[in-house]
């Protein structure tokens, strides 16, 4: 078994891994490096594949160009896992296999990128199995994350079973769906796992991830207090966090008219509604400039009748929160208005700088800020320990992180009896690890 660590082994994001067995290759994920996407001077969806490669925003996959790729498997719909599909997938005569909500996101990405690829998209639910080639079989295992339809991918090969799961957690009080399928994890562990490839985004944080239900309670408290105080109320969160958006709607409980403002909100919620994951019948969803302008003009005249949910929680220049705070639309914040950040600041230098500038603009206008009303979609240290215990893999290759994150995972693995270089392995982008 050869493991091609193409992307995501020197950074958080740009995820792409290929597992090669008996001359056949299965690719896991084709993602963006979101820091390079945000920092690019160009619109990524307007660039060619070669131009995008030059920005560093997508993985360099030349090491598998000439190989027999038989499937492209996508674990969930975040852009650091699916964003590069329009740029890279068309080079391979292989189907894209994913869950139903992830399929909607991939289709939206292809439409936005204006790329036509010939790959068949095969949708399957967690628990279902798919015969990829006669040699390899795929099963999706249900896990929790900050987006619906997240999975661990179980690849059954002649050289042993592989678990790939960059992003996962346990949520014993979820807002949508059920907790991670712990019983199936234990069964798979008993059947035998040759290799696990886990993400490491929050492995260096002690403890466990709080449940999504706890955020819902906090949102209700903050919204209740804000409504009582009066004034305009704006919430910003991650567009793919469909459970969070449902919590916001439930916390509002019909007290104010609700508007979702921003392109990514429109795209993610459209797919979610089609999959029965959210009800938008009482929500005004806008994305084009004139739509946003008209909506914010109404909000300005009916300040205590609207709850606005906007994109741009990282403070990205030109995103909706930046536009609203900068007076781009016919709406001005007033002293005592409320902005709720139901998110965390992704800790990269550009994000920290952008978020600081946004908060400064809001504070200068007398806006009351409520920050970090949020829980993570990524397993913390003790959650990762449980995944190791339940799955009991023979080998581990940590991914989805820079060297510090990968090193923290190695430390945890050593606590569980693994040894660096023997059964837990560090890699870099563009390298190959061969397991005997």
Protein backbone atom coordinates (compact mmCIF):
# COMPACT_ATOMS: atom_id res chain seq x y z
CA UNK A 1 0.00 0.00 0.00
CA UNK A 2 1.35 3.41 -1.05
CA UNK A 3 -0.05 6.63 0.39
CA UNK A 4 0.51 9.77 -1.67
CA UNK A 5 0.31 12.75 0.69
CA UNK A 6 -0.46 15.34 -1.97
CA UNK A 7 -1.85 18.24 0.06
CA UNK A 8 -2.82 19.15 3.61
CA UNK A 9 0.36 17.86 5.24
CA UNK A 10 2.04 21.25 5.66
CA UNK A 11 -1.05 23.45 6.22
CA UNK A 12 -4.64 23.40 7.43
CA UNK A 13 -6.56 22.83 4.20
CA UNK A 14 -5.63 22.03 0.58
CA UNK A 15 -6.52 18.45 1.45
CA UNK A 16 -5.74 15.70 -1.05
CA UNK A 17 -4.51 12.17 -0.38
CA UNK A 18 -4.28 9.15 -2.69
CA UNK A 19 -4.12 5.51 -1.62
CA UNK A 20 -2.56 3.12 -4.16
CA UNK A 21 -3.05 -0.65 -3.99
CA UNK A 22 -2.34 -3.19 -6.76
CA UNK A 23 -2.05 -0.52 -9.43
CA UNK A 24 -5.32 1.23 -8.55
CA UNK A 25 -5.57 4.64 -6.89
CA UNK A 26 -8.39 6.13 -4.82
CA UNK A 27 -8.16 9.88 -4.22
CA UNK A 28 -9.57 11.42 -1.04
CA UNK A 29 -10.57 15.09 -1.23
CA UNK A 30 -9.57 17.91 -3.57
CA UNK A 31 -9.55 21.06 -1.46
CA UNK A 32 -8.60 24.70 -1.41
CA UNK A 33 -5.97 26.31 0.78
CA UNK A 34 -8.43 28.93 2.03
CA UNK A 35 -5.71 31.31 3.21
CA UNK A 36 -4.34 31.51 -0.34
CA UNK A 37 -7.84 31.80 -1.79
CA UNK A 38 -8.69 34.75 0.47
CA UNK A 39 -5.27 36.34 -0.02
CA UNK A 40 -5.20 35.98 -3.80
CA UNK A 41 -5.36 39.13 -5.93
CA UNK A 42 -7.45 37.15 -8.44
CA UNK A 43 -10.89 35.55 -8.34
CA UNK A 44 -9.96 31.87 -8.11
CA UNK A 45 -13.05 30.69 -9.96
CA UNK A 46 -12.01 32.84 -12.95
CA UNK A 47 -8.53 31.29 -13.24
CA UNK A 48 -7.40 28.27 -15.25
CA UNK A 49 -6.06 25.23 -13.43
CA UNK A 50 -2.42 26.17 -14.15
CA UNK A 51 -3.00 29.76 -13.02
CA UNK A 52 -4.62 28.50 -9.82
CA UNK A 53 -1.70 26.15 -9.16
CA UNK A 54 0.62 29.16 -9.30
CA UNK A 55 -1.34 30.86 -6.48
CA UNK A 56 -0.77 27.86 -4.18
CA UNK A 57 -4.52 27.61 -3.57
CA UNK A 58 -4.90 23.99 -4.80
CA UNK A 59 -2.84 20.80 -4.42
CA UNK A 60 -0.12 19.92 -6.91
CA UNK A 61 -1.21 16.47 -8.01
CA UNK A 62 1.30 15.70 -10.77
CA UNK A 63 2.63 12.69 -8.82
CA UNK A 64 -0.52 10.70 -9.70
CA UNK A 65 -1.18 12.05 -13.21
CA UNK A 66 -0.11 8.84 -14.93
CA UNK A 67 -1.65 6.46 -12.42
CA UNK A 68 -4.89 4.49 -12.66
CA UNK A 69 -7.24 6.62 -10.56
CA UNK A 70 -10.47 4.67 -10.08
CA UNK A 71 -12.40 6.95 -7.70
CA UNK A 72 -12.41 10.41 -6.11
CA UNK A 73 -13.96 10.24 -2.63
CA UNK A 74 -15.15 13.38 -0.86
CA UNK A 75 -15.87 13.20 2.88
CA UNK A 76 -17.87 16.44 3.25
CA UNK A 77 -18.63 19.73 1.56
CA UNK A 78 -16.24 22.32 3.00
CA UNK A 79 -14.15 24.15 0.42
CA UNK A 80 -10.85 22.93 1.88
CA UNK A 81 -12.07 19.47 0.80
CA UNK A 82 -14.10 20.13 -2.39
CA UNK A 83 -12.95 23.53 -3.68
CA UNK A 84 -10.37 22.18 -6.15
CA UNK A 85 -12.71 19.72 -7.84
CA UNK A 86 -13.51 22.07 -10.76
CA UNK A 87 -9.77 22.55 -11.33
CA UNK A 88 -8.45 19.00 -10.88
CA UNK A 89 -11.11 16.28 -11.13
CA UNK A 90 -11.55 16.49 -14.91
CA UNK A 91 -8.02 15.14 -15.43
CA UNK A 92 -9.10 11.74 -14.11
CA UNK A 93 -11.44 9.19 -15.67
CA UNK A 94 -13.00 8.38 -12.32
CA UNK A 95 -16.31 8.97 -10.56
CA UNK A 96 -16.70 11.42 -7.67
CA UNK A 97 -18.33 9.67 -4.70
CA UNK A 98 -19.95 11.72 -1.92
CA UNK A 99 -23.07 12.17 0.23
CA UNK A 100 -26.22 13.96 -1.08
CA UNK A 101 -25.61 17.37 0.51
CA UNK A 102 -21.97 17.30 -0.57
CA UNK A 103 -23.13 16.58 -4.12
CA UNK A 104 -25.19 19.79 -4.07
CA UNK A 105 -22.13 21.78 -2.98
CA UNK A 106 -19.94 20.21 -5.69
CA UNK A 107 -22.55 21.04 -8.33
CA UNK A 108 -22.72 24.66 -7.11
CA UNK A 109 -18.94 24.88 -7.24
CA UNK A 110 -18.83 23.62 -10.80
CA UNK A 111 -21.50 26.13 -11.81
CA UNK A 112 -19.69 29.04 -10.10
CA UNK A 113 -16.37 28.03 -11.66
CA UNK A 114 -18.04 27.60 -15.07
CA UNK A 115 -16.16 24.34 -15.53
CA UNK A 116 -17.56 21.34 -17.38
CA UNK A 117 -16.11 18.05 -16.17
CA UNK A 118 -17.18 14.60 -17.31
CA UNK A 119 -16.79 12.80 -13.98
CA UNK A 120 -19.89 10.94 -12.89
CA UNK A 121 -21.06 12.04 -9.42
CA UNK A 122 -22.28 9.12 -7.31
CA UNK A 123 -24.23 9.96 -4.17
CA UNK A 124 -24.49 7.50 -1.29
CA UNK A 125 -25.70 7.66 2.29
CA UNK A 126 -23.66 6.74 5.38
CA UNK A 127 -23.93 3.00 5.92
CA UNK A 128 -24.12 2.21 2.23
CA UNK A 129 -21.35 0.38 0.40
CA UNK A 130 -20.05 0.87 -3.13
CA UNK A 131 -17.90 -1.54 -5.17
CA UNK A 132 -15.31 0.74 -6.75
CA UNK A 133 -13.35 -1.67 -8.91
CA UNK A 134 -13.73 -5.29 -7.87
CA UNK A 135 -10.61 -4.87 -5.77
CA UNK A 136 -11.73 -1.97 -3.59
CA UNK A 137 -14.97 -1.21 -1.79
CA UNK A 138 -16.10 2.01 -0.08
CA UNK A 139 -18.36 2.61 2.91
CA UNK A 140 -19.26 5.96 4.46
CA UNK A 141 -19.46 6.09 8.26
CA UNK A 142 -21.56 8.83 9.86
CA UNK A 143 -19.64 11.38 11.95
CA UNK A 144 -20.41 14.85 13.29
CA UNK A 145 -18.78 17.99 11.96
CA UNK A 146 -19.85 21.60 11.38
CA UNK A 147 -21.65 20.71 8.15
CA UNK A 148 -24.34 18.09 7.40
CA UNK A 149 -23.56 14.76 5.75
CA UNK A 150 -19.99 14.56 7.05
CA UNK A 151 -18.43 11.10 6.92
CA UNK A 152 -15.43 8.95 7.60
CA UNK A 153 -14.47 7.04 4.46
CA UNK A 154 -13.78 3.34 4.95
CA UNK A 155 -11.84 1.94 2.00
CA UNK A 156 -11.57 -1.85 1.92
CA UNK A 157 -8.52 -2.97 -0.08
CA UNK A 158 -6.55 -6.20 -0.63
CA UNK A 159 -3.81 -4.71 1.59
CA UNK A 160 -6.15 -3.90 4.46
CA UNK A 161 -8.79 -1.35 5.42
CA UNK A 162 -8.15 2.40 5.36
CA UNK A 163 -10.06 5.05 7.35
CA UNK A 164 -9.81 8.59 5.98
CA UNK A 165 -11.43 11.37 7.98
CA UNK A 166 -9.89 14.83 8.05
CA UNK A 167 -12.72 16.48 10.00
CA UNK A 168 -14.80 14.76 12.64
CA UNK A 169 -16.03 15.03 16.20
CA UNK A 170 -18.56 13.55 18.58
CA UNK A 171 -21.75 15.52 19.30
CA UNK A 172 -23.91 13.82 21.88
CA UNK A 173 -26.51 16.63 21.66
CA UNK A 174 -26.64 17.55 17.96
CA UNK A 175 -29.12 20.01 16.46
CA UNK A 176 -29.30 18.05 13.18
CA UNK A 177 -29.02 14.27 12.91
CA UNK A 178 -27.46 11.86 15.36
CA UNK A 179 -24.18 11.48 17.20
CA UNK A 180 -21.23 9.90 15.42
CA UNK A 181 -21.96 6.20 14.84
CA UNK A 182 -19.80 4.91 17.69
CA UNK A 183 -21.14 1.35 17.43
CA UNK A 184 -20.05 1.13 13.79
CA UNK A 185 -16.65 2.63 14.63
CA UNK A 186 -16.10 -0.13 17.18
CA UNK A 187 -17.24 -2.81 14.71
CA UNK A 188 -14.85 -1.49 12.07
CA UNK A 189 -12.06 -1.43 14.63
CA UNK A 190 -12.72 -5.08 15.45
CA UNK A 191 -12.70 -5.95 11.73
CA UNK A 192 -9.21 -4.43 11.50
CA UNK A 193 -7.85 -1.12 10.24
CA UNK A 194 -4.48 -1.10 8.51
CA UNK A 195 -4.30 2.70 8.25
CA UNK A 196 -6.12 5.73 9.66
CA UNK A 197 -5.60 9.22 8.19
CA UNK A 198 -7.10 11.72 10.68
CA UNK A 199 -7.22 15.50 10.66
CA UNK A 200 -5.33 17.39 13.36
CA UNK A 201 -6.94 20.85 13.37
CA UNK A 202 -7.80 20.92 17.09
CA UNK A 203 -5.81 17.98 18.47
CA UNK A 204 -3.61 20.44 20.40
CA UNK A 205 -6.63 21.63 22.44
CA UNK A 206 -7.31 19.77 25.68
CA UNK A 207 -10.67 18.21 26.52
CA UNK A 208 -13.67 17.60 24.31
CA UNK A 209 -15.73 19.71 21.89
CA UNK A 210 -18.95 21.07 23.46
CA UNK A 211 -22.19 20.01 21.72
CA UNK A 212 -24.00 22.19 19.20
CA UNK A 213 -27.01 22.31 21.52
CA UNK A 214 -24.97 24.40 23.97
CA UNK A 215 -24.53 27.09 21.30
CA UNK A 216 -28.25 27.08 20.62
CA UNK A 217 -28.93 27.87 24.29
CA UNK A 218 -26.35 30.67 24.25
CA UNK A 219 -27.80 32.12 21.06
CA UNK A 220 -31.28 32.18 22.60
CA UNK A 221 -29.96 34.07 25.63
CA UNK A 222 -28.07 36.64 23.55
CA UNK A 223 -30.96 37.18 21.13
CA UNK A 224 -33.46 37.56 23.97
CA UNK A 225 -31.30 40.21 25.65
CA UNK A 226 -30.64 42.03 22.36
CA UNK A 227 -34.33 42.16 21.47
CA UNK A 228 -35.14 43.48 24.93
CA UNK A 229 -32.49 46.19 24.62
CA UNK A 230 -33.77 47.17 21.17
CA UNK A 231 -31.99 48.19 17.99
CA UNK A 232 -30.78 46.44 14.88
CA UNK A 233 -29.47 42.88 15.28
CA UNK A 234 -27.04 41.22 12.86
CA UNK A 235 -25.58 37.72 13.23
CA UNK A 236 -22.64 36.43 11.24
CA UNK A 237 -21.62 32.77 11.08
CA UNK A 238 -20.21 30.17 8.71
CA UNK A 239 -22.54 29.65 5.73
CA UNK A 240 -22.09 25.88 5.75
CA UNK A 241 -23.13 25.61 9.41
CA UNK A 242 -26.69 24.54 8.65
CA UNK A 243 -27.30 23.37 12.22
CA UNK A 244 -26.31 26.84 13.47
CA UNK A 245 -28.65 28.52 10.99
CA UNK A 246 -31.47 26.30 12.21
CA UNK A 247 -30.63 27.28 15.79
CA UNK A 248 -30.79 30.96 14.84
CA UNK A 249 -34.22 30.50 13.26
CA UNK A 250 -35.49 28.62 16.31
CA UNK A 251 -34.04 31.20 18.71
CA UNK A 252 -35.73 33.99 16.77
CA UNK A 253 -39.02 32.05 17.00
CA UNK A 254 -40.83 34.28 14.54
CA UNK A 255 -40.28 37.46 16.55
CA UNK A 256 -38.50 39.27 13.71
CA UNK A 257 -38.42 38.89 9.95
CA UNK A 258 -35.22 37.04 8.94
CA UNK A 259 -32.88 37.76 6.02
CA UNK A 260 -29.87 35.71 4.90
CA UNK A 261 -27.41 38.00 3.10
CA UNK A 262 -24.54 36.73 0.95
CA UNK A 263 -23.70 34.43 -1.94
CA UNK A 264 -22.31 31.53 0.08
CA UNK A 265 -25.34 31.61 2.40
CA UNK A 266 -27.59 31.41 -0.64
CA UNK A 267 -25.66 28.52 -2.17
CA UNK A 268 -25.30 26.40 0.97
CA UNK A 269 -28.88 26.91 2.18
CA UNK A 270 -30.33 26.21 -1.28
CA UNK A 271 -28.71 22.77 -1.27
CA UNK A 272 -29.67 22.22 2.37
CA UNK A 273 -33.33 23.03 1.67
CA UNK A 274 -33.35 20.63 -1.28
CA UNK A 275 -32.05 17.93 1.09
CA UNK A 276 -34.70 18.74 3.72
CA UNK A 277 -32.15 20.14 6.20
CA UNK A 278 -33.59 23.67 6.60
CA UNK A 279 -36.89 25.50 5.95
CA UNK A 280 -36.40 28.82 4.15
CA UNK A 281 -40.09 29.56 3.56
CA UNK A 282 -40.03 32.43 6.06
CA UNK A 283 -36.53 33.68 5.16
CA UNK A 284 -35.60 36.34 2.60
CA UNK A 285 -32.36 35.21 0.92
CA UNK A 286 -30.39 37.80 -1.07
CA UNK A 287 -26.97 37.82 -2.72
CA UNK A 288 -26.80 40.19 -5.72
CA UNK A 289 -25.81 43.77 -4.97
CA UNK A 290 -29.18 45.33 -5.85
CA UNK A 291 -31.00 42.70 -3.75
CA UNK A 292 -28.76 43.39 -0.76
CA UNK A 293 -29.14 47.14 -1.26
CA UNK A 294 -32.96 46.92 -1.29
CA UNK A 295 -33.01 44.63 1.72
CA UNK A 296 -30.71 46.78 3.85
CA UNK A 297 -32.73 49.88 2.94
CA UNK A 298 -35.79 48.13 4.40
CA UNK A 299 -33.84 47.09 7.49
CA UNK A 300 -32.67 50.68 8.01
CA UNK A 301 -36.28 51.85 8.15
CA UNK A 302 -37.52 48.91 10.24
CA UNK A 303 -34.57 48.38 12.56
CA UNK A 304 -36.42 46.40 15.23
CA UNK A 305 -38.40 44.25 12.80
CA UNK A 306 -35.50 42.39 11.16
CA UNK A 307 -32.85 39.84 12.11
CA UNK A 308 -30.07 39.89 9.51
CA UNK A 309 -27.72 36.90 9.08
CA UNK A 310 -24.72 37.89 6.95
CA UNK A 311 -21.58 36.31 5.53
CA UNK A 312 -18.10 37.61 6.33
CA UNK A 313 -17.56 36.55 9.95
CA UNK A 314 -13.77 36.57 9.40
CA UNK A 315 -13.90 40.23 8.37
CA UNK A 316 -12.97 39.48 4.77
CA UNK A 317 -12.77 42.71 2.74
CA UNK A 318 -15.76 42.95 0.43
CA UNK A 319 -17.80 40.29 2.25
CA UNK A 320 -21.26 41.25 3.47
CA UNK A 321 -20.31 42.13 7.05
CA UNK A 322 -17.58 44.43 5.78
CA UNK A 323 -20.00 46.08 3.35
CA UNK A 324 -22.68 46.57 6.01
CA UNK A 325 -20.18 47.99 8.50
CA UNK A 326 -18.62 50.28 5.88
CA UNK A 327 -21.86 51.89 4.75
CA UNK A 328 -21.83 50.33 1.29
CA UNK A 329 -25.60 49.86 1.49
CA UNK A 330 -28.26 52.42 2.56
CA UNK A 331 -28.00 51.24 6.16
CA UNK A 332 -26.04 52.74 9.06
CA UNK A 333 -25.37 51.17 12.41
CA UNK A 334 -26.45 53.22 15.39
CA UNK A 335 -25.18 53.30 18.94
CA UNK A 336 -26.61 50.32 20.83
CA UNK A 337 -27.15 48.07 17.80
CA UNK A 338 -26.00 44.47 18.14
CA UNK A 339 -23.64 42.23 16.11
CA UNK A 340 -23.31 38.59 17.14
CA UNK A 341 -20.30 36.60 15.93
CA UNK A 342 -21.48 32.98 16.02
CA UNK A 343 -18.06 31.84 14.87
CA UNK A 344 -14.41 31.81 15.79
CA UNK A 345 -11.59 33.69 14.12
CA UNK A 346 -9.58 31.21 12.07
CA UNK A 347 -6.07 31.89 13.43
CA UNK A 348 -4.17 33.00 10.34
CA UNK A 349 -2.50 36.43 10.09
CA UNK A 350 -4.85 37.71 7.32
CA UNK A 351 -7.95 36.58 9.21
CA UNK A 352 -6.78 38.11 12.48
CA UNK A 353 -6.05 41.42 10.77
CA UNK A 354 -9.33 41.47 8.85
CA UNK A 355 -11.39 40.60 11.90
CA UNK A 356 -9.66 43.30 13.97
CA UNK A 357 -10.47 45.92 11.33
CA UNK A 358 -14.12 44.83 11.18
CA UNK A 359 -14.55 44.89 14.95
CA UNK A 360 -12.88 48.32 15.08
CA UNK A 361 -15.31 49.71 12.49
CA UNK A 362 -18.27 48.35 14.44
CA UNK A 363 -17.03 49.54 17.82
CA UNK A 364 -16.42 53.05 16.50
CA UNK A 365 -20.11 53.17 15.55
CA UNK A 366 -21.20 52.19 19.06
CA UNK A 367 -22.23 48.65 18.14
CA UNK A 368 -22.41 46.11 20.96
CA UNK A 369 -20.35 43.02 20.04
CA UNK A 370 -20.96 39.43 21.16
CA UNK A 371 -18.07 37.19 20.15
CA UNK A 372 -17.31 33.46 20.00
CA UNK A 373 -20.91 32.21 20.35
CA UNK A 374 -19.63 29.02 18.83
CA UNK A 375 -18.43 25.44 19.15
CA UNK A 376 -15.94 23.76 16.86
CA UNK A 377 -16.52 21.08 14.26
CA UNK A 378 -13.12 19.55 15.00
CA UNK A 379 -12.26 16.90 17.54
CA UNK A 380 -10.14 17.99 20.48
CA UNK A 381 -7.48 15.86 22.16
CA UNK A 382 -9.77 13.53 24.15
CA UNK A 383 -12.13 13.12 21.19
CA UNK A 384 -9.16 12.05 19.06
CA UNK A 385 -8.13 9.62 21.78
CA UNK A 386 -11.55 7.99 21.50
CA UNK A 387 -11.27 7.68 17.73
CA UNK A 388 -7.90 5.94 18.16
CA UNK A 389 -9.33 3.63 20.84
CA UNK A 390 -12.49 2.72 18.90
CA UNK A 391 -10.77 2.17 15.53
CA UNK A 392 -7.46 0.75 16.83
CA UNK A 393 -5.54 1.25 13.55
CA UNK A 394 -2.24 -0.52 12.85
CA UNK A 395 -0.80 2.67 11.31
CA UNK A 396 -1.64 6.38 11.51
CA UNK A 397 -0.68 9.21 9.15
CA UNK A 398 -1.93 12.51 10.66
CA UNK A 399 -2.99 15.19 8.16
CA UNK A 400 -4.84 18.51 7.72
CA UNK A 401 -2.31 20.55 9.68
CA UNK A 402 1.08 22.18 9.80
CA UNK A 403 4.00 20.51 11.55
CA UNK A 404 2.96 21.75 15.00
CA UNK A 405 -0.50 20.16 14.64
CA UNK A 406 0.90 16.93 13.22
CA UNK A 407 3.43 16.81 16.05
CA UNK A 408 0.67 17.21 18.66
CA UNK A 409 -1.11 14.23 17.14
CA UNK A 410 2.10 12.18 17.30
CA UNK A 411 2.39 13.00 21.00
CA UNK A 412 -1.17 11.76 21.56
CA UNK A 413 -0.50 8.61 19.53
CA UNK A 414 2.60 7.90 21.60
CA UNK A 415 0.45 8.08 24.74
CA UNK A 416 -1.68 5.35 23.14
CA UNK A 417 1.32 3.11 22.44
CA UNK A 418 2.36 4.16 18.93
CA UNK A 419 5.94 4.98 17.93
CA UNK A 420 7.04 7.61 15.42
CA UNK A 421 8.47 5.98 12.31
CA UNK A 422 7.12 2.54 13.20
CA UNK A 423 3.34 2.88 13.19
CA UNK A 424 2.67 6.63 13.26
CA UNK A 425 4.17 8.48 10.31
CA UNK A 426 4.77 12.14 9.51
CA UNK A 427 4.76 13.28 5.89
CA UNK A 428 4.95 16.36 3.68
CA UNK A 429 3.08 17.51 0.59
CA UNK A 430 4.15 15.59 -2.49
CA UNK A 431 5.67 12.64 -0.62
CA UNK A 432 4.84 8.92 -0.64
CA UNK A 433 4.68 6.61 2.37
CA UNK A 434 4.79 2.87 1.65
CA UNK A 435 3.33 0.52 4.27
CA UNK A 436 4.55 -3.06 4.28
